Amino acid sequence: MNESIMAPTARRLVEKVLAVRPGERVLLLTDPTRPASITRALARAISAAGGELALMYMDPVTMGGVEPPGHVAAAMKASECIYLQGSFAATHTDAVREALAAGARVVDMWGFEEEMMTVGGAVADYEEIGGITRKLGERLNAAREGRFTTPDGCDMTFSLEGRECVEFNGIAAEPGQITACPDGEGAIGPVEGSAEGVMVNPVSVEHGELGFVSEPMRLEVSGGYVKSVTGSPTAERFWRILEEGGNAACNIAEFAVGTNPGCRKSVTLREAKTAWGTCHMAVGDNRTLGGSIFAPLHVDMIFHHPTVWLDEQIIVRDGEIVGL
């Protein structure tokens, strides 16, 4: 794709999303599998805004929540603005948490493809998305219990008592803020040990060996942990991944509702999780969401057509946000 076509979105990422100012230390972290054209477009926009750019490559990862090497983490902590153009999310890592605590502004662009610079969720109206996400956040913060079901047979309940929503609204212009691109979700960490029920047939699983799922999958959850994943070879592979990560990898770490009407549900993994009216649950590390569980991964499972209750009131009905 011609880089001039990408320039408007690159400028938006620099001038609005992180609001890079002249003289700020900016880290652009990528890996060799990501589109170099996007890297160049971002680098040009950062330099044009007066940012002091450092470009760093690291080895690709196959799932979210994998800690970057120590020297990469040190570069992140020393930066004021960070663009994460990796293969999977680094949001749920100590490296990002420490950078945020030091005042960095972060945008996680994992899995970002060339076409996403011109269509889909990245070019949506983020003022509108921000307003919807704030309303969702208020509802999640006030709720004591959540539940979601799907036509395929999901039925999950979990406590939200004392937990606070993290509003990913597409903008991180203040110190210590993080967002993603494209973004638009209200995410919250269920209370440890509280999740119960069953998840059936996620549309996608954010792991390099899984992705969009076409085979049956059933996850049994009890006492806040996934106890089994069955139904197909894909399901068995997911269960092995969780077993390799230890018991903490099976922790129900996150519940979230997507609020971006521009995101395409079944085109890229990056867009699927924030598409309007979808929901996702994650397993693994939950510390970015106020929890206490350390795990070597954080993997989202995305579901279409959910119905979501907060304290018995429906806020999403069959994939449409209705109760805000």
Protein backbone atom coordinates (compact mmCIF):
# COMPACT_ATOMS: atom_id res chain seq x y z
CA MET A 1 0.00 0.00 0.00
CA ASN A 2 1.21 3.49 -0.83
CA GLU A 3 2.49 5.08 2.36
CA SER A 4 0.93 8.43 1.49
CA ILE A 5 -2.47 6.76 1.85
CA MET A 6 -1.52 5.69 5.37
CA ALA A 7 -0.32 9.16 6.35
CA PRO A 8 -3.64 10.53 7.73
CA THR A 9 -4.05 7.63 10.17
CA ALA A 10 -0.37 7.79 11.12
CA ARG A 11 -0.76 11.50 11.89
CA ARG A 12 -3.88 10.77 13.93
CA LEU A 13 -2.00 8.17 15.96
CA VAL A 14 0.74 10.69 16.68
CA GLU A 15 -1.11 14.01 16.98
CA LYS A 16 -4.30 12.82 18.68
CA VAL A 17 -4.01 9.32 20.14
CA LEU A 18 -0.79 9.96 22.10
CA ALA A 19 -0.57 13.71 21.39
CA VAL A 20 3.20 13.59 20.86
CA ARG A 21 4.88 16.91 21.62
CA PRO A 22 8.21 18.29 20.36
CA GLY A 23 11.19 16.91 22.24
CA GLU A 24 9.39 13.95 23.79
CA ARG A 25 11.13 10.58 23.90
CA VAL A 26 9.16 8.24 21.64
CA LEU A 27 9.71 4.49 21.36
CA LEU A 28 8.37 2.61 18.34
CA LEU A 29 8.61 -1.09 19.19
CA THR A 30 7.93 -3.63 16.45
CA ASP A 31 9.00 -7.06 15.22
CA PRO A 32 10.18 -8.40 11.85
CA THR A 33 6.79 -9.92 10.97
CA ARG A 34 4.89 -6.63 11.11
CA PRO A 35 4.29 -4.43 8.03
CA ALA A 36 7.34 -2.23 7.54
CA SER A 37 5.21 0.27 5.63
CA ILE A 38 3.24 1.03 8.82
CA THR A 39 6.48 1.36 10.78
CA ARG A 40 7.78 3.89 8.25
CA ALA A 41 4.52 5.86 8.20
CA LEU A 42 4.51 6.10 11.99
CA ALA A 43 8.19 7.04 12.10
CA ARG A 44 7.65 9.89 9.64
CA ALA A 45 4.66 11.19 11.59
CA ILE A 46 6.55 11.03 14.90
CA SER A 47 9.51 12.92 13.44
CA ALA A 48 7.20 15.50 11.86
CA ALA A 49 5.64 16.13 15.27
CA GLY A 50 9.08 16.76 16.76
CA GLY A 51 9.31 13.56 18.75
CA GLU A 52 12.75 12.09 19.49
CA LEU A 53 12.24 8.69 17.87
CA ALA A 54 13.88 5.42 18.90
CA LEU A 55 12.98 2.44 16.70
CA MET A 56 13.45 -0.99 18.27
CA TYR A 57 12.81 -4.52 17.01
CA MET A 58 12.18 -7.58 19.18
CA ASP A 59 11.41 -11.20 18.45
CA PRO A 60 7.73 -11.87 17.65
CA VAL A 61 5.51 -13.52 20.26
CA THR A 62 2.62 -15.93 19.71
CA MET A 63 0.20 -14.65 22.37
CA GLY A 64 -0.52 -11.73 24.64
CA GLY A 65 1.03 -11.16 28.05
CA VAL A 66 4.54 -12.35 27.17
CA GLU A 67 7.17 -10.22 28.89
CA PRO A 68 9.62 -8.45 26.56
CA PRO A 69 13.36 -8.81 27.23
CA GLY A 70 14.83 -6.70 30.00
CA HIS A 71 16.61 -4.22 27.71
CA VAL A 72 13.36 -3.63 25.83
CA ALA A 73 11.50 -3.08 29.11
CA ALA A 74 14.19 -0.58 30.14
CA ALA A 75 13.73 1.36 26.90
CA MET A 76 9.98 1.43 27.51
CA LYS A 77 10.41 2.75 31.04
CA ALA A 78 12.70 5.51 29.73
CA SER A 79 10.18 6.67 27.10
CA GLU A 80 7.38 9.21 27.31
CA CYS A 81 5.37 7.84 24.38
CA ILE A 82 5.31 4.19 23.28
CA TYR A 83 3.92 2.63 20.11
CA LEU A 84 3.64 -1.15 20.39
CA GLN A 85 3.48 -2.50 16.84
CA GLY A 86 3.90 -6.15 17.78
CA SER A 87 2.30 -9.46 16.86
CA PHE A 88 0.21 -9.76 20.05
CA ALA A 89 -0.73 -7.52 22.96
CA ALA A 90 1.86 -6.41 25.50
CA THR A 91 -0.73 -4.54 27.58
CA HIS A 92 -0.81 -7.17 30.32
CA THR A 93 2.93 -7.22 31.06
CA ASP A 94 5.09 -5.83 33.84
CA ALA A 95 7.07 -3.89 31.24
CA VAL A 96 4.00 -1.90 30.23
CA ARG A 97 2.74 -1.51 33.79
CA GLU A 98 6.12 -0.13 34.89
CA ALA A 99 6.28 2.25 31.92
CA LEU A 100 2.79 3.54 32.76
CA ALA A 101 3.76 3.99 36.40
CA ALA A 102 6.71 6.08 35.21
CA GLY A 103 4.31 8.32 33.27
CA ALA A 104 4.48 6.92 29.74
CA ARG A 105 1.59 7.15 27.30
CA VAL A 106 1.07 3.88 25.43
CA VAL A 107 -0.84 2.68 22.38
CA ASP A 108 -0.85 -1.06 21.66
CA MET A 109 -1.22 -1.69 17.91
CA TRP A 110 -0.65 -5.44 17.95
CA GLY A 111 -1.71 -7.31 14.84
CA PHE A 112 -2.18 -4.10 12.86
CA GLU A 113 -2.34 -4.68 9.10
CA GLU A 114 -1.92 -2.25 6.20
CA GLU A 115 -5.59 -2.05 5.24
CA MET A 116 -6.47 -1.07 8.80
CA MET A 117 -4.75 2.26 8.16
CA THR A 118 -7.59 3.21 5.81
CA VAL A 119 -10.71 1.22 6.78
CA GLY A 120 -12.34 -0.26 9.86
CA GLY A 121 -12.07 0.60 13.51
CA ALA A 122 -8.92 2.72 13.35
CA VAL A 123 -10.70 5.43 11.34
CA ALA A 124 -13.91 5.45 13.42
CA ASP A 125 -15.27 8.44 15.36
CA TYR A 126 -13.38 8.23 18.65
CA GLU A 127 -15.33 11.03 20.30
CA GLU A 128 -18.48 8.95 19.86
CA ILE A 129 -16.68 5.80 21.00
CA GLY A 130 -15.32 7.61 24.05
CA GLY A 131 -18.79 8.72 25.12
CA ILE A 132 -20.25 5.23 24.81
CA THR A 133 -17.28 3.65 26.57
CA ARG A 134 -17.55 6.08 29.49
CA LYS A 135 -21.23 5.18 29.95
CA LEU A 136 -20.35 1.49 29.83
CA GLY A 137 -17.60 2.07 32.37
CA GLU A 138 -20.04 3.74 34.76
CA ARG A 139 -22.37 0.76 34.54
CA LEU A 140 -19.58 -1.76 35.07
CA ASN A 141 -18.22 0.19 38.05
CA ALA A 142 -21.64 0.22 39.71
CA ALA A 143 -22.37 -3.46 39.13
CA ARG A 144 -21.96 -6.19 41.71
CA GLU A 145 -22.42 -9.12 39.33
CA GLY A 146 -22.17 -9.79 35.62
CA ARG A 147 -23.57 -12.49 33.38
CA PHE A 148 -23.41 -13.21 29.68
CA THR A 149 -25.00 -15.79 27.42
CA THR A 150 -24.83 -16.56 23.70
CA PRO A 151 -27.05 -18.50 21.29
CA ASP A 152 -24.35 -21.22 21.13
CA GLY A 153 -24.72 -22.00 24.81
CA CYS A 154 -22.41 -19.71 26.78
CA ASP A 155 -23.67 -18.93 30.27
CA MET A 156 -21.17 -17.26 32.58
CA THR A 157 -21.62 -15.43 35.88
CA PHE A 158 -18.96 -13.53 37.84
CA SER A 159 -18.61 -11.04 40.67
CA LEU A 160 -17.56 -7.45 39.91
CA GLU A 161 -17.76 -6.25 43.52
CA GLY A 162 -15.09 -3.64 44.19
CA ARG A 163 -13.63 -3.81 40.69
CA GLU A 164 -13.12 -0.82 38.41
CA CYS A 165 -13.57 -0.69 34.65
CA VAL A 166 -10.63 0.24 32.44
CA GLU A 167 -12.00 2.35 29.60
CA PHE A 168 -10.08 1.75 26.38
CA ASN A 169 -11.47 4.64 24.33
CA GLY A 170 -8.76 5.12 21.73
CA ILE A 171 -7.00 8.11 23.33
CA ALA A 172 -4.04 8.12 25.76
CA ALA A 173 -2.96 11.74 25.81
CA GLU A 174 -2.17 12.03 29.53
CA PRO A 175 0.75 10.53 31.50
CA GLY A 176 0.11 6.98 32.65
CA GLN A 177 -2.67 6.29 30.14
CA ILE A 178 -2.88 3.33 27.78
CA THR A 179 -5.10 2.55 24.82
CA ALA A 180 -5.01 0.34 21.76
CA CYS A 181 -5.65 0.91 18.09
CA PRO A 182 -8.24 0.28 16.98
CA ASP A 183 -9.95 0.50 20.33
CA GLY A 184 -13.30 0.82 22.01
CA GLU A 185 -14.06 -1.41 24.96
CA GLY A 186 -14.94 -1.35 28.61
CA ALA A 187 -12.87 -4.01 30.38
CA ILE A 188 -13.05 -5.21 33.96
CA GLY A 189 -11.42 -7.96 35.98
CA PRO A 190 -13.90 -10.36 37.62
CA VAL A 191 -13.17 -11.05 41.28
CA GLU A 192 -10.75 -13.95 41.58
CA GLY A 193 -12.50 -17.26 42.20
CA SER A 194 -15.97 -15.95 41.33
CA ALA A 195 -16.49 -16.96 37.70
CA GLU A 196 -18.77 -19.93 37.08
CA GLY A 197 -20.33 -21.49 34.02
CA VAL A 198 -19.51 -22.50 30.49
CA MET A 199 -18.14 -20.78 27.38
CA VAL A 200 -19.00 -22.31 24.01
CA ASN A 201 -17.55 -21.71 20.54
CA PRO A 202 -15.55 -18.48 20.77
CA VAL A 203 -15.31 -16.86 17.35
CA SER A 204 -11.63 -16.25 17.89
CA VAL A 205 -8.89 -16.91 20.42
CA GLU A 206 -5.99 -14.46 20.51
CA HIS A 207 -3.13 -16.90 20.06
CA GLY A 208 -0.89 -17.46 17.06
CA GLU A 209 -1.80 -21.15 16.88
CA LEU A 210 -5.55 -20.61 17.18
CA GLY A 211 -6.92 -17.34 15.75
CA PHE A 212 -10.38 -17.55 14.20
CA VAL A 213 -11.94 -20.80 15.40
CA SER A 214 -14.00 -23.00 13.07
CA GLU A 215 -14.18 -26.12 15.27
CA PRO A 216 -16.38 -26.75 18.34
CA MET A 217 -14.97 -25.63 21.68
CA ARG A 218 -16.40 -25.86 25.18
CA LEU A 219 -14.73 -24.39 28.27
CA GLU A 220 -15.98 -25.45 31.70
CA VAL A 221 -15.34 -22.84 34.41
CA SER A 222 -15.58 -23.37 38.16
CA GLY A 223 -14.23 -21.39 41.09
CA GLY A 224 -12.81 -18.75 38.78
CA TYR A 225 -10.69 -21.13 36.69
CA VAL A 226 -11.06 -22.99 33.41
CA LYS A 227 -11.24 -26.67 34.32
CA SER A 228 -11.40 -28.18 30.84
CA VAL A 229 -11.44 -27.28 27.14
CA THR A 230 -13.04 -29.93 24.93
CA GLY A 231 -14.80 -30.51 21.63
CA SER A 232 -12.18 -30.65 18.87
CA PRO A 233 -8.45 -30.80 18.10
CA THR A 234 -8.38 -26.99 18.29
CA ALA A 235 -9.94 -27.15 21.75
CA GLU A 236 -7.38 -29.73 22.85
CA ARG A 237 -4.56 -27.51 21.62
CA PHE A 238 -5.92 -24.57 23.60
CA TRP A 239 -6.10 -26.75 26.72
CA ARG A 240 -2.47 -27.79 26.26
CA ILE A 241 -1.46 -24.13 25.96
CA LEU A 242 -3.23 -23.37 29.24
CA GLU A 243 -1.71 -26.41 30.96
CA GLU A 244 1.75 -25.32 29.84
CA GLY A 245 1.12 -21.94 31.47
CA GLY A 246 0.23 -23.48 34.83
CA ASN A 247 -2.86 -23.03 36.96
CA ALA A 248 -2.67 -19.22 36.83
CA ALA A 249 -3.05 -19.35 33.04
CA CYS A 250 -6.56 -20.78 33.60
CA ASN A 251 -7.66 -17.81 35.73
CA ILE A 252 -10.67 -15.89 34.39
CA ALA A 253 -8.91 -12.55 34.07
CA GLU A 254 -11.16 -10.18 32.13
CA PHE A 255 -14.64 -9.46 30.89
CA ALA A 256 -15.16 -6.76 28.26
CA VAL A 257 -17.73 -5.36 25.85
CA GLY A 258 -16.72 -3.87 22.49
CA THR A 259 -17.91 -0.33 21.66
CA ASN A 260 -16.37 0.43 18.24
CA PRO A 261 -18.98 0.37 15.43
CA GLY A 262 -16.24 0.65 12.81
CA CYS A 263 -14.44 -2.57 13.76
CA ARG A 264 -15.02 -5.56 11.51
CA LYS A 265 -15.96 -8.68 13.44
CA SER A 266 -14.36 -11.41 11.36
CA VAL A 267 -11.57 -9.78 9.35
CA THR A 268 -8.63 -9.39 11.75
CA LEU A 269 -8.02 -10.55 15.32
CA ARG A 270 -7.08 -7.00 16.27
CA GLU A 271 -10.50 -5.62 15.30
CA ALA A 272 -12.62 -8.56 16.46
CA LYS A 273 -12.33 -7.87 20.18
CA THR A 274 -13.48 -4.24 20.07
CA ALA A 275 -16.30 -4.61 17.53
CA TRP A 276 -19.63 -3.14 18.59
CA GLY A 277 -21.71 -5.40 20.82
CA THR A 278 -19.23 -8.26 21.03
CA CYS A 279 -17.87 -9.43 24.35
CA HIS A 280 -14.73 -11.21 25.34
CA MET A 281 -13.36 -13.04 28.32
CA ALA A 282 -9.68 -13.56 28.92
CA VAL A 283 -7.66 -16.09 30.83
CA GLY A 284 -4.36 -15.53 32.59
CA ASP A 285 -2.81 -12.41 34.09
CA ASN A 286 -5.27 -9.86 35.50
CA ARG A 287 -3.03 -7.33 37.23
CA THR A 288 -3.53 -4.56 34.66
CA LEU A 289 -7.24 -4.80 35.53
CA GLY A 290 -6.75 -4.51 39.28
CA GLY A 291 -6.35 -8.21 40.06
CA SER A 292 -3.65 -10.16 41.83
CA ILE A 293 -2.95 -13.12 39.55
CA PHE A 294 0.43 -13.33 37.81
CA ALA A 295 0.44 -15.54 34.73
CA PRO A 296 2.77 -15.93 31.74
CA LEU A 297 -0.03 -15.11 29.30
CA HIS A 298 -3.23 -13.14 28.76
CA VAL A 299 -5.43 -14.62 26.03
CA ASP A 300 -8.80 -13.22 24.95
CA MET A 301 -11.73 -15.26 23.63
CA ILE A 302 -14.24 -13.27 21.56
CA PHE A 303 -17.96 -14.04 21.36
CA HIS A 304 -20.59 -12.75 18.93
CA HIS A 305 -24.27 -12.06 19.68
CA PRO A 306 -23.92 -12.00 23.47
CA THR A 307 -26.61 -10.93 25.88
CA VAL A 308 -25.04 -9.22 28.88
CA TRP A 309 -26.62 -8.55 32.28
CA LEU A 310 -25.26 -6.27 34.98
CA ASP A 311 -27.16 -6.85 38.23
CA GLU A 312 -30.12 -8.33 36.34
CA GLN A 313 -30.38 -5.43 33.86
CA ILE A 314 -29.60 -6.15 30.22
CA ILE A 315 -27.03 -3.82 28.65
CA VAL A 316 -26.34 -5.90 25.52
CA ARG A 317 -29.04 -7.93 23.80
CA ASP A 318 -27.99 -10.39 21.09
CA GLY A 319 -24.99 -8.28 20.14
CA GLU A 320 -26.63 -4.84 20.32
CA ILE A 321 -25.77 -2.39 23.10
CA VAL A 322 -29.15 -1.33 24.47
CA GLY A 323 -28.93 -0.43 28.15
CA LEU A 324 -26.64 2.58 28.39
